[in-house]
Amino acid sequence: MKLSIITPTYNRANMLDSLYKSIVKNLEQNEEVRQNVQTQWLIIDDGSTDNTEEVINQYIRENVFEIQYHKQENQGKMAAINHVIHYANGDLIVECDSDDIFSETAFYDILQAYNETKKRDDLYGLCFLKYDIEGNNIGNTFQKEETTMFDLYFKEQETGEKAIVFFANIRKQYHYKIENHEKFSTEARMYHEMDLKYKMKCINKPIMICDYKKDGYTKNIQKIFKENPYGHFQYFKEILEQHDMAGVPLKKRLYVIKHYILFSYLTKQYHIKDIKGFKNKVLYGILFIPGLVKSYQFKNKVESIDKICT
């Protein structure tokens, strides 16, 4: 088995060593892994101005495993991964951020799961847990052995992060869709596209350790929404086009519709005719005017914060 690891990075030279050492440790400490696992590490530098290239070149000179370094002008994480995905030559592909590391038994657990599923043609990946640096699960354990990413978060009500190891032959057929040259688009948009044809195998074991800051995304969410409205609009639009939301709790259904209205307002795009399901259309009609008011307030609030910060 060969595992291709993709790491997008931007001015994180001081963090890469922990990830590198976690890969080396996985390859060296387990006899079964040493005999049966090859690794390819693809680093895509998204326009760093620090000494990232120097650090990576030192790893390459150590020649412990295959490493490729690629660099592009700063375009954002999704564009970076799209740029490098075709260089992956492993059986499996996993994306690991530069500030994350692999757990001590990650490669062994991946190998075992791969051996059990490698002949399946209905799976796009193996879904594992992520832990924080204190050893806590980031989210919940899986309720089902097999699911889709949409069902996991919208029906099974998962809230935390997971680590997906993709079957390379399927993953390389997809890419992160970027709208209007934005630098961020939720990964879930691609996952949901995969969900339409395939599902995931769920394994209640952690393969990544993350320095997870619970309020980090919340603190930045307004800025992310403002700077990347077109990708988010397409994300919520596609959910409402592809799902009638049967089996989705009302709270989650309202979350989707409210955000669809917000990004419709921010991008000036309204497509009620594309919404699937009578109940969704009724809720959209009820929430439309209050949603526009909230969206107007959101836009003014974010613009006021921008003025204070500049």
C-alpha atoms as a PDB file:
ATOM      1  CA  MET A   1       0.000   0.000   0.000  1.00  0.00           C
ATOM      2  CA  LYS A   2       1.206   3.478  -0.823  1.00  0.00           C
ATOM      3  CA  LEU A   3      -0.094   6.526   1.026  1.00  0.00           C
ATOM      4  CA  SER A   4       0.109   9.985  -0.556  1.00  0.00           C
ATOM      5  CA  ILE A   5      -0.003  12.777   2.026  1.00  0.00           C
ATOM      6  CA  ILE A   6      -0.877  16.266   0.778  1.00  0.00           C
ATOM      7  CA  THR A   7       0.046  19.232   2.954  1.00  0.00           C
ATOM      8  CA  PRO A   8      -0.823  22.769   1.882  1.00  0.00           C
ATOM      9  CA  THR A   9       1.247  25.300   3.818  1.00  0.00           C
ATOM     10  CA  TYR A  10       1.704  29.036   4.118  1.00  0.00           C
ATOM     11  CA  ASN A  11       4.427  30.511   6.345  1.00  0.00           C
ATOM     12  CA  ARG A  12       4.398  27.457   8.631  1.00  0.00           C
ATOM     13  CA  ALA A  13       8.058  26.464   8.418  1.00  0.00           C
ATOM     14  CA  ASN A  14       8.310  26.353  12.215  1.00  0.00           C
ATOM     15  CA  MET A  15       5.458  23.810  12.440  1.00  0.00           C
ATOM     16  CA  LEU A  16       6.409  21.338   9.723  1.00  0.00           C
ATOM     17  CA  ASP A  17       8.975  19.464  11.799  1.00  0.00           C
ATOM     18  CA  SER A  18       6.363  17.931  14.099  1.00  0.00           C
ATOM     19  CA  LEU A  19       4.418  16.607  11.117  1.00  0.00           C
ATOM     20  CA  TYR A  20       7.578  15.281   9.446  1.00  0.00           C
ATOM     21  CA  LYS A  21       8.670  13.466  12.602  1.00  0.00           C
ATOM     22  CA  SER A  22       5.199  11.917  13.019  1.00  0.00           C
ATOM     23  CA  ILE A  23       5.442  10.462   9.502  1.00  0.00           C
ATOM     24  CA  VAL A  24       8.926   9.074  10.180  1.00  0.00           C
ATOM     25  CA  LYS A  25       7.789   7.564  13.476  1.00  0.00           C
ATOM     26  CA  ASN A  26       4.849   5.825  11.831  1.00  0.00           C
ATOM     27  CA  LEU A  27       7.091   4.327   9.174  1.00  0.00           C
ATOM     28  CA  GLU A  28       9.725   3.091  11.595  1.00  0.00           C
ATOM     29  CA  GLN A  29       8.010   1.841  14.728  1.00  0.00           C
ATOM     30  CA  ASN A  30       5.751  -0.933  13.382  1.00  0.00           C
ATOM     31  CA  GLU A  31       7.099  -3.988  11.536  1.00  0.00           C
ATOM     32  CA  GLU A  32       3.932  -4.497   9.479  1.00  0.00           C
ATOM     33  CA  VAL A  33       3.994  -0.859   8.398  1.00  0.00           C
ATOM     34  CA  ARG A  34       7.706  -1.054   7.532  1.00  0.00           C
ATOM     35  CA  GLN A  35       7.055  -4.012   5.261  1.00  0.00           C
ATOM     36  CA  ASN A  36       3.770  -2.944   3.666  1.00  0.00           C
ATOM     37  CA  VAL A  37       3.489   0.841   3.608  1.00  0.00           C
ATOM     38  CA  GLN A  38       5.225   3.307   1.298  1.00  0.00           C
ATOM     39  CA  THR A  39       4.724   7.038   1.744  1.00  0.00           C
ATOM     40  CA  GLN A  40       4.752  10.020  -0.559  1.00  0.00           C
ATOM     41  CA  TRP A  41       4.595  13.506   0.993  1.00  0.00           C
ATOM     42  CA  LEU A  42       3.492  16.290  -1.337  1.00  0.00           C
ATOM     43  CA  ILE A  43       4.003  19.762   0.138  1.00  0.00           C
ATOM     44  CA  ILE A  44       2.343  22.593  -1.741  1.00  0.00           C
ATOM     45  CA  ASP A  45       3.626  25.967  -0.615  1.00  0.00           C
ATOM     46  CA  ASP A  46       0.951  28.629  -1.127  1.00  0.00           C
ATOM     47  CA  GLY A  47       3.322  31.548  -1.565  1.00  0.00           C
ATOM     48  CA  SER A  48       5.218  31.450   1.742  1.00  0.00           C
ATOM     49  CA  THR A  49       7.738  34.202   2.488  1.00  0.00           C
ATOM     50  CA  ASP A  50       9.512  32.344   5.314  1.00  0.00           C
ATOM     51  CA  ASN A  51      12.105  29.543   5.060  1.00  0.00           C
ATOM     52  CA  THR A  52       9.633  26.771   4.199  1.00  0.00           C
ATOM     53  CA  GLU A  53      11.569  25.692   1.099  1.00  0.00           C
ATOM     54  CA  GLU A  54      14.830  25.433   3.047  1.00  0.00           C
ATOM     55  CA  VAL A  55      13.169  23.279   5.722  1.00  0.00           C
ATOM     56  CA  ILE A  56      11.632  20.922   3.160  1.00  0.00           C
ATOM     57  CA  ASN A  57      14.881  20.605   1.215  1.00  0.00           C
ATOM     58  CA  GLN A  58      16.572  19.411   4.402  1.00  0.00           C
ATOM     59  CA  TYR A  59      13.934  16.666   4.754  1.00  0.00           C
ATOM     60  CA  ILE A  60      14.475  15.691   1.121  1.00  0.00           C
ATOM     61  CA  ARG A  61      18.234  15.387   1.708  1.00  0.00           C
ATOM     62  CA  GLU A  62      17.595  13.025   4.631  1.00  0.00           C
ATOM     63  CA  ASN A  63      15.957  10.673   2.076  1.00  0.00           C
ATOM     64  CA  VAL A  64      13.817   8.745   4.574  1.00  0.00           C
ATOM     65  CA  PHE A  65      10.808   8.604   2.241  1.00  0.00           C
ATOM     66  CA  GLU A  66       9.572  10.255  -0.957  1.00  0.00           C
ATOM     67  CA  ILE A  67       8.997  14.006  -0.637  1.00  0.00           C
ATOM     68  CA  GLN A  68       8.033  16.505  -3.329  1.00  0.00           C
ATOM     69  CA  TYR A  69       8.002  20.270  -2.824  1.00  0.00           C
ATOM     70  CA  HIS A  70       5.812  22.466  -5.018  1.00  0.00           C
ATOM     71  CA  LYS A  71       5.171  26.191  -4.799  1.00  0.00           C
ATOM     72  CA  GLN A  72       2.550  28.541  -6.217  1.00  0.00           C
ATOM     73  CA  GLU A  73       1.578  32.178  -5.835  1.00  0.00           C
ATOM     74  CA  ASN A  74      -0.797  32.656  -2.923  1.00  0.00           C
ATOM     75  CA  GLN A  75      -4.235  31.441  -4.032  1.00  0.00           C
ATOM     76  CA  GLY A  76      -5.588  29.720  -0.934  1.00  0.00           C
ATOM     77  CA  LYS A  77      -5.642  26.186   0.440  1.00  0.00           C
ATOM     78  CA  MET A  78      -8.180  24.723  -2.008  1.00  0.00           C
ATOM     79  CA  ALA A  79      -6.367  25.973  -5.104  1.00  0.00           C
ATOM     80  CA  ALA A  80      -3.113  24.652  -3.627  1.00  0.00           C
ATOM     81  CA  ILE A  81      -4.509  21.135  -3.209  1.00  0.00           C
ATOM     82  CA  ASN A  82      -6.072  21.227  -6.680  1.00  0.00           C
ATOM     83  CA  HIS A  83      -2.659  22.172  -8.045  1.00  0.00           C
ATOM     84  CA  VAL A  84      -0.811  19.221  -6.526  1.00  0.00           C
ATOM     85  CA  ILE A  85      -3.397  16.399  -6.493  1.00  0.00           C
ATOM     86  CA  HIS A  86      -2.353  14.968  -9.868  1.00  0.00           C
ATOM     87  CA  TYR A  87       1.190  14.341  -8.542  1.00  0.00           C
ATOM     88  CA  ALA A  88      -0.189  11.854  -6.005  1.00  0.00           C
ATOM     89  CA  ASN A  89       0.736   8.298  -7.008  1.00  0.00           C
ATOM     90  CA  GLY A  90      -0.414   6.369  -3.941  1.00  0.00           C
ATOM     91  CA  ASP A  91      -3.304   3.965  -3.495  1.00  0.00           C
ATOM     92  CA  LEU A  92      -4.680   6.326  -0.866  1.00  0.00           C
ATOM     93  CA  ILE A  93      -4.639  10.112  -0.462  1.00  0.00           C
ATOM     94  CA  VAL A  94      -4.934  11.995   2.813  1.00  0.00           C
ATOM     95  CA  GLU A  95      -4.823  15.761   3.317  1.00  0.00           C
ATOM     96  CA  CYS A  96      -2.975  16.821   6.467  1.00  0.00           C
ATOM     97  CA  ASP A  97      -2.565  20.466   7.434  1.00  0.00           C
ATOM     98  CA  SER A  98       0.861  21.733   8.377  1.00  0.00           C
ATOM     99  CA  ASP A  99      -0.145  22.299  12.010  1.00  0.00           C
ATOM    100  CA  ASP A 100      -1.467  18.733  12.456  1.00  0.00           C
ATOM    101  CA  ILE A 101       0.436  15.502  13.099  1.00  0.00           C
ATOM    102  CA  PHE A 102      -0.321  11.815  12.647  1.00  0.00           C
ATOM    103  CA  SER A 103      -1.145   9.703  15.681  1.00  0.00           C
ATOM    104  CA  GLU A 104       1.388   7.010  16.636  1.00  0.00           C
ATOM    105  CA  THR A 105      -0.613   4.159  15.093  1.00  0.00           C
ATOM    106  CA  ALA A 106      -2.118   6.100  12.179  1.00  0.00           C
ATOM    107  CA  PHE A 107      -0.425   4.247   9.320  1.00  0.00           C
ATOM    108  CA  TYR A 108      -1.061   0.844  10.898  1.00  0.00           C
ATOM    109  CA  ASP A 109      -4.756   1.671  11.371  1.00  0.00           C
ATOM    110  CA  ILE A 110      -4.999   2.955   7.794  1.00  0.00           C
ATOM    111  CA  LEU A 111      -3.301  -0.205   6.489  1.00  0.00           C
ATOM    112  CA  GLN A 112      -5.711  -2.480   8.358  1.00  0.00           C
ATOM    113  CA  ALA A 113      -8.754  -0.568   7.118  1.00  0.00           C
ATOM    114  CA  TYR A 114      -7.395  -0.503   3.564  1.00  0.00           C
ATOM    115  CA  ASN A 115      -6.829  -4.267   3.526  1.00  0.00           C
ATOM    116  CA  GLU A 116     -10.447  -4.801   4.585  1.00  0.00           C
ATOM    117  CA  THR A 117     -11.930  -2.472   1.967  1.00  0.00           C
ATOM    118  CA  LYS A 118      -9.553  -2.261  -1.011  1.00  0.00           C
ATOM    119  CA  LYS A 119     -11.741  -4.459  -3.208  1.00  0.00           C
ATOM    120  CA  ARG A 120     -14.838  -2.331  -2.638  1.00  0.00           C
ATOM    121  CA  ASP A 121     -15.912  -0.068  -5.485  1.00  0.00           C
ATOM    122  CA  ASP A 122     -18.704   1.715  -3.597  1.00  0.00           C
ATOM    123  CA  LEU A 123     -16.474   3.620  -1.156  1.00  0.00           C
ATOM    124  CA  TYR A 124     -14.646   6.882  -1.749  1.00  0.00           C
ATOM    125  CA  GLY A 125     -12.771   6.860   1.516  1.00  0.00           C
ATOM    126  CA  LEU A 126     -12.009   5.743   5.038  1.00  0.00           C
ATOM    127  CA  CYS A 127     -13.183   8.165   7.700  1.00  0.00           C
ATOM    128  CA  PHE A 128     -11.254   8.303  10.988  1.00  0.00           C
ATOM    129  CA  LEU A 129     -11.399  10.411  14.139  1.00  0.00           C
ATOM    130  CA  LYS A 130      -9.281  13.437  14.997  1.00  0.00           C
ATOM    131  CA  TYR A 131      -8.049  14.093  18.540  1.00  0.00           C
ATOM    132  CA  ASP A 132      -6.808  17.311  20.096  1.00  0.00           C
ATOM    133  CA  ILE A 133      -3.391  17.570  21.731  1.00  0.00           C
ATOM    134  CA  GLU A 134      -4.907  16.671  25.101  1.00  0.00           C
ATOM    135  CA  GLY A 135      -6.212  13.351  23.760  1.00  0.00           C
ATOM    136  CA  ASN A 136      -9.862  14.341  23.422  1.00  0.00           C
ATOM    137  CA  ASN A 137     -12.007  13.342  20.461  1.00  0.00           C
ATOM    138  CA  ILE A 138     -12.850  16.385  18.321  1.00  0.00           C
ATOM    139  CA  GLY A 139     -16.523  15.596  17.914  1.00  0.00           C
ATOM    140  CA  ASN A 140     -18.383  12.336  18.430  1.00  0.00           C
ATOM    141  CA  THR A 141     -17.690   8.704  17.656  1.00  0.00           C
ATOM    142  CA  PHE A 142     -19.379   7.281  14.573  1.00  0.00           C
ATOM    143  CA  GLN A 143     -22.902   5.912  14.944  1.00  0.00           C
ATOM    144  CA  LYS A 144     -22.718   3.857  11.742  1.00  0.00           C
ATOM    145  CA  GLU A 145     -20.044   1.736  10.097  1.00  0.00           C
ATOM    146  CA  GLU A 146     -20.794   3.292   6.694  1.00  0.00           C
ATOM    147  CA  THR A 147     -22.321   6.650   5.855  1.00  0.00           C
ATOM    148  CA  THR A 148     -21.965   9.715   3.647  1.00  0.00           C
ATOM    149  CA  MET A 149     -20.517  13.030   4.720  1.00  0.00           C
ATOM    150  CA  PHE A 150     -23.920  14.668   4.228  1.00  0.00           C
ATOM    151  CA  ASP A 151     -25.694  12.126   6.420  1.00  0.00           C
ATOM    152  CA  LEU A 152     -22.940  12.270   9.025  1.00  0.00           C
ATOM    153  CA  TYR A 153     -23.322  15.993   9.630  1.00  0.00           C
ATOM    154  CA  PHE A 154     -26.941  16.629   8.702  1.00  0.00           C
ATOM    155  CA  LYS A 155     -28.729  13.479   9.866  1.00  0.00           C
ATOM    156  CA  GLU A 156     -26.406  11.881  12.409  1.00  0.00           C
ATOM    157  CA  GLN A 157     -25.665  15.356  13.822  1.00  0.00           C
ATOM    158  CA  GLU A 158     -21.875  15.160  13.993  1.00  0.00           C
ATOM    159  CA  THR A 159     -20.286  18.467  14.968  1.00  0.00           C
ATOM    160  CA  GLY A 160     -16.529  17.831  15.116  1.00  0.00           C
ATOM    161  CA  GLU A 161     -13.770  17.318  12.590  1.00  0.00           C
ATOM    162  CA  LYS A 162     -12.920  13.995  10.955  1.00  0.00           C
ATOM    163  CA  ALA A 163      -9.945  12.740   8.934  1.00  0.00           C
ATOM    164  CA  ILE A 164     -10.725  11.228   5.531  1.00  0.00           C
ATOM    165  CA  VAL A 165      -8.323   8.916   3.727  1.00  0.00           C
ATOM    166  CA  PHE A 166      -9.481   8.802   0.111  1.00  0.00           C
ATOM    167  CA  PHE A 167      -9.173   6.006  -2.405  1.00  0.00           C
ATOM    168  CA  ALA A 168      -6.902   7.737  -4.902  1.00  0.00           C
ATOM    169  CA  ASN A 169      -8.612   6.486  -8.072  1.00  0.00           C
ATOM    170  CA  ILE A 170     -11.832   8.178  -6.934  1.00  0.00           C
ATOM    171  CA  ARG A 171     -10.392  11.271  -5.228  1.00  0.00           C
ATOM    172  CA  LYS A 172      -8.473  12.280  -8.349  1.00  0.00           C
ATOM    173  CA  GLN A 173     -11.735  12.487 -10.298  1.00  0.00           C
ATOM    174  CA  TYR A 174     -12.867  15.410  -8.104  1.00  0.00           C
ATOM    175  CA  HIS A 175     -11.519  18.830  -7.179  1.00  0.00           C
ATOM    176  CA  TYR A 176     -12.378  21.753  -4.941  1.00  0.00           C
ATOM    177  CA  LYS A 177     -14.612  24.145  -6.852  1.00  0.00           C
ATOM    178  CA  ILE A 178     -13.535  27.760  -6.513  1.00  0.00           C
ATOM    179  CA  GLU A 179     -15.876  30.621  -7.333  1.00  0.00           C
ATOM    180  CA  ASN A 180     -14.829  34.128  -8.429  1.00  0.00           C
ATOM    181  CA  HIS A 181     -11.179  33.482  -7.503  1.00  0.00           C
ATOM    182  CA  GLU A 182     -12.043  33.187  -3.810  1.00  0.00           C
ATOM    183  CA  LYS A 183      -9.409  31.685  -1.500  1.00  0.00           C
ATOM    184  CA  PHE A 184     -11.676  29.525   0.606  1.00  0.00           C
ATOM    185  CA  SER A 185     -14.434  27.037  -0.073  1.00  0.00           C
ATOM    186  CA  THR A 186     -15.683  24.465   2.391  1.00  0.00           C
ATOM    187  CA  GLU A 187     -14.319  20.983   1.717  1.00  0.00           C
ATOM    188  CA  ALA A 188     -17.831  19.630   2.301  1.00  0.00           C
ATOM    189  CA  ARG A 189     -18.917  20.863  -1.105  1.00  0.00           C
ATOM    190  CA  MET A 190     -16.653  18.293  -2.777  1.00  0.00           C
ATOM    191  CA  TYR A 191     -17.560  15.623  -0.220  1.00  0.00           C
ATOM    192  CA  HIS A 192     -21.261  16.060  -0.985  1.00  0.00           C
ATOM    193  CA  GLU A 193     -20.529  15.623  -4.684  1.00  0.00           C
ATOM    194  CA  MET A 194     -18.811  12.322  -3.889  1.00  0.00           C
ATOM    195  CA  ASP A 195     -21.748  11.339  -1.666  1.00  0.00           C
ATOM    196  CA  LEU A 196     -23.997  11.210  -4.719  1.00  0.00           C
ATOM    197  CA  LYS A 197     -22.155   8.114  -6.017  1.00  0.00           C
ATOM    198  CA  TYR A 198     -20.202   6.661  -3.095  1.00  0.00           C
ATOM    199  CA  LYS A 199     -20.065   6.394   0.707  1.00  0.00           C
ATOM    200  CA  MET A 200     -17.424   6.191   3.432  1.00  0.00           C
ATOM    201  CA  LYS A 201     -16.246   3.465   5.780  1.00  0.00           C
ATOM    202  CA  CYS A 202     -16.111   4.787   9.356  1.00  0.00           C
ATOM    203  CA  ILE A 203     -13.419   3.715  11.822  1.00  0.00           C
ATOM    204  CA  ASN A 204     -13.550   4.867  15.438  1.00  0.00           C
ATOM    205  CA  LYS A 205      -9.810   5.380  15.756  1.00  0.00           C
ATOM    206  CA  PRO A 206      -7.835   8.652  15.626  1.00  0.00           C
ATOM    207  CA  ILE A 207      -5.209   9.105  12.928  1.00  0.00           C
ATOM    208  CA  MET A 208      -4.568  12.847  13.377  1.00  0.00           C
ATOM    209  CA  ILE A 209      -3.736  15.022  16.348  1.00  0.00           C
ATOM    210  CA  CYS A 210      -4.740  18.661  15.953  1.00  0.00           C
ATOM    211  CA  ASP A 211      -3.995  21.792  17.927  1.00  0.00           C
ATOM    212  CA  TYR A 212      -7.717  22.461  17.874  1.00  0.00           C
ATOM    213  CA  LYS A 213      -8.989  25.836  19.041  1.00  0.00           C
ATOM    214  CA  LYS A 214     -12.712  25.532  19.631  1.00  0.00           C
ATOM    215  CA  ASP A 215     -13.437  29.222  19.087  1.00  0.00           C
ATOM    216  CA  GLY A 216     -11.019  29.758  16.219  1.00  0.00           C
ATOM    217  CA  TYR A 217     -13.494  29.176  13.389  1.00  0.00           C
ATOM    218  CA  THR A 218     -16.240  31.066  15.251  1.00  0.00           C
ATOM    219  CA  LYS A 219     -14.019  34.111  15.702  1.00  0.00           C
ATOM    220  CA  ASN A 220     -13.153  34.194  11.992  1.00  0.00           C
ATOM    221  CA  ILE A 221     -16.473  33.095  10.511  1.00  0.00           C
ATOM    222  CA  GLN A 222     -17.745  36.583   9.693  1.00  0.00           C
ATOM    223  CA  LYS A 223     -14.540  37.438   7.846  1.00  0.00           C
ATOM    224  CA  ILE A 224     -14.606  34.080   6.003  1.00  0.00           C
ATOM    225  CA  PHE A 225     -18.236  34.586   4.937  1.00  0.00           C
ATOM    226  CA  LYS A 226     -17.632  38.144   3.757  1.00  0.00           C
ATOM    227  CA  GLU A 227     -14.525  37.305   1.725  1.00  0.00           C
ATOM    228  CA  ASN A 228     -15.890  34.078   0.209  1.00  0.00           C
ATOM    229  CA  PRO A 229     -19.630  34.486  -0.396  1.00  0.00           C
ATOM    230  CA  TYR A 230     -19.854  32.887  -3.852  1.00  0.00           C
ATOM    231  CA  GLY A 231     -18.441  29.506  -2.842  1.00  0.00           C
ATOM    232  CA  HIS A 232     -20.675  29.403   0.224  1.00  0.00           C
ATOM    233  CA  PHE A 233     -23.702  30.349  -1.868  1.00  0.00           C
ATOM    234  CA  GLN A 234     -23.044  27.444  -4.224  1.00  0.00           C
ATOM    235  CA  TYR A 235     -22.545  25.093  -1.263  1.00  0.00           C
ATOM    236  CA  PHE A 236     -25.944  25.827   0.301  1.00  0.00           C
ATOM    237  CA  LYS A 237     -27.619  26.055  -3.113  1.00  0.00           C
ATOM    238  CA  GLU A 238     -26.370  22.573  -4.019  1.00  0.00           C
ATOM    239  CA  ILE A 239     -27.637  21.135  -0.730  1.00  0.00           C
ATOM    240  CA  LEU A 240     -31.136  22.485  -1.408  1.00  0.00           C
ATOM    241  CA  GLU A 241     -31.027  21.362  -5.039  1.00  0.00           C
ATOM    242  CA  GLN A 242     -29.874  17.818  -4.273  1.00  0.00           C
ATOM    243  CA  HIS A 243     -31.700  17.010  -1.019  1.00  0.00           C
ATOM    244  CA  ASP A 244     -35.299  17.338   0.109  1.00  0.00           C
ATOM    245  CA  MET A 245     -33.797  17.137   3.635  1.00  0.00           C
ATOM    246  CA  ALA A 246     -35.929  14.137   4.626  1.00  0.00           C
ATOM    247  CA  GLY A 247     -34.572  12.824   7.910  1.00  0.00           C
ATOM    248  CA  VAL A 248     -32.746  16.073   8.659  1.00  0.00           C
ATOM    249  CA  PRO A 249     -33.729  17.673  12.012  1.00  0.00           C
ATOM    250  CA  LEU A 250     -35.553  20.992  11.763  1.00  0.00           C
ATOM    251  CA  LYS A 251     -32.649  22.874  13.373  1.00  0.00           C
ATOM    252  CA  LYS A 252     -30.275  21.744  10.633  1.00  0.00           C
ATOM    253  CA  ARG A 253     -32.835  22.421   7.911  1.00  0.00           C
ATOM    254  CA  LEU A 254     -33.267  25.981   9.204  1.00  0.00           C
ATOM    255  CA  TYR A 255     -29.486  26.410   9.356  1.00  0.00           C
ATOM    256  CA  VAL A 256     -29.193  25.599   5.639  1.00  0.00           C
ATOM    257  CA  ILE A 257     -32.080  27.835   4.551  1.00  0.00           C
ATOM    258  CA  LYS A 258     -30.968  30.803   6.675  1.00  0.00           C
ATOM    259  CA  HIS A 259     -27.460  30.623   5.244  1.00  0.00           C
ATOM    260  CA  TYR A 260     -28.811  30.181   1.734  1.00  0.00           C
ATOM    261  CA  ILE A 261     -30.724  33.445   2.166  1.00  0.00           C
ATOM    262  CA  LEU A 262     -27.643  35.185   3.606  1.00  0.00           C
ATOM    263  CA  PHE A 263     -25.424  34.239   0.680  1.00  0.00           C
ATOM    264  CA  SER A 264     -28.189  34.923  -1.818  1.00  0.00           C
ATOM    265  CA  TYR A 265     -28.217  38.457  -0.438  1.00  0.00           C
ATOM    266  CA  LEU A 266     -24.425  38.825  -0.445  1.00  0.00           C
ATOM    267  CA  THR A 267     -24.100  37.563  -4.033  1.00  0.00           C
ATOM    268  CA  LYS A 268     -27.418  38.944  -5.331  1.00  0.00           C
ATOM    269  CA  GLN A 269     -28.488  35.515  -6.578  1.00  0.00           C
ATOM    270  CA  TYR A 270     -31.940  34.107  -5.857  1.00  0.00           C
ATOM    271  CA  HIS A 271     -32.987  30.667  -7.114  1.00  0.00           C
ATOM    272  CA  ILE A 272     -36.078  29.560  -5.205  1.00  0.00           C
ATOM    273  CA  LYS A 273     -37.221  27.464  -8.169  1.00  0.00           C
ATOM    274  CA  ASP A 274     -34.159  25.227  -7.672  1.00  0.00           C
ATOM    275  CA  ILE A 275     -35.036  24.371  -4.065  1.00  0.00           C
ATOM    276  CA  LYS A 276     -36.049  20.727  -3.712  1.00  0.00           C
ATOM    277  CA  GLY A 277     -38.935  19.708  -1.432  1.00  0.00           C
ATOM    278  CA  PHE A 278     -42.222  21.463  -0.645  1.00  0.00           C
ATOM    279  CA  LYS A 279     -41.337  21.902   3.038  1.00  0.00           C
ATOM    280  CA  ASN A 280     -38.067  23.605   2.185  1.00  0.00           C
ATOM    281  CA  LYS A 281     -39.828  26.032  -0.145  1.00  0.00           C
ATOM    282  CA  VAL A 282     -42.382  26.886   2.534  1.00  0.00           C
ATOM    283  CA  LEU A 283     -39.654  27.515   5.113  1.00  0.00           C
ATOM    284  CA  TYR A 284     -37.748  29.621   2.602  1.00  0.00           C
ATOM    285  CA  GLY A 285     -40.873  31.728   2.025  1.00  0.00           C
ATOM    286  CA  ILE A 286     -41.407  32.209   5.764  1.00  0.00           C
ATOM    287  CA  LEU A 287     -37.778  33.102   6.463  1.00  0.00           C
ATOM    288  CA  PHE A 288     -37.063  35.187   3.370  1.00  0.00           C
ATOM    289  CA  ILE A 289     -37.931  38.698   4.635  1.00  0.00           C
ATOM    290  CA  PRO A 290     -36.514  38.243   8.165  1.00  0.00           C
ATOM    291  CA  GLY A 291     -33.469  36.657   6.528  1.00  0.00           C
ATOM    292  CA  LEU A 292     -32.893  39.672   4.296  1.00  0.00           C
ATOM    293  CA  VAL A 293     -33.059  41.962   7.328  1.00  0.00           C
ATOM    294  CA  LYS A 294     -30.531  39.802   9.204  1.00  0.00           C
ATOM    295  CA  SER A 295     -28.316  39.653   6.117  1.00  0.00           C
ATOM    296  CA  TYR A 296     -28.361  43.447   5.798  1.00  0.00           C
ATOM    297  CA  GLN A 297     -27.391  43.758   9.462  1.00  0.00           C
ATOM    298  CA  PHE A 298     -24.626  41.173   9.022  1.00  0.00           C
ATOM    299  CA  LYS A 299     -23.143  43.007   6.055  1.00  0.00           C
ATOM    300  CA  ASN A 300     -23.159  46.360   7.845  1.00  0.00           C
ATOM    301  CA  LYS A 301     -21.631  44.832  10.967  1.00  0.00           C
ATOM    302  CA  VAL A 302     -18.772  43.224   9.061  1.00  0.00           C
ATOM    303  CA  GLU A 303     -18.122  46.416   7.083  1.00  0.00           C
ATOM    304  CA  SER A 304     -18.006  48.395  10.342  1.00  0.00           C
ATOM    305  CA  ILE A 305     -15.474  45.940  11.806  1.00  0.00           C
ATOM    306  CA  ASP A 306     -13.364  46.242   8.640  1.00  0.00           C
ATOM    307  CA  LYS A 307     -13.296  50.041   8.965  1.00  0.00           C
ATOM    308  CA  ILE A 308     -12.171  49.812  12.588  1.00  0.00           C
ATOM    309  CA  CYS A 309      -9.401  47.337  11.694  1.00  0.00           C
ATOM    310  CA  THR A 310      -8.036  49.355   8.756  1.00  0.00           C
END
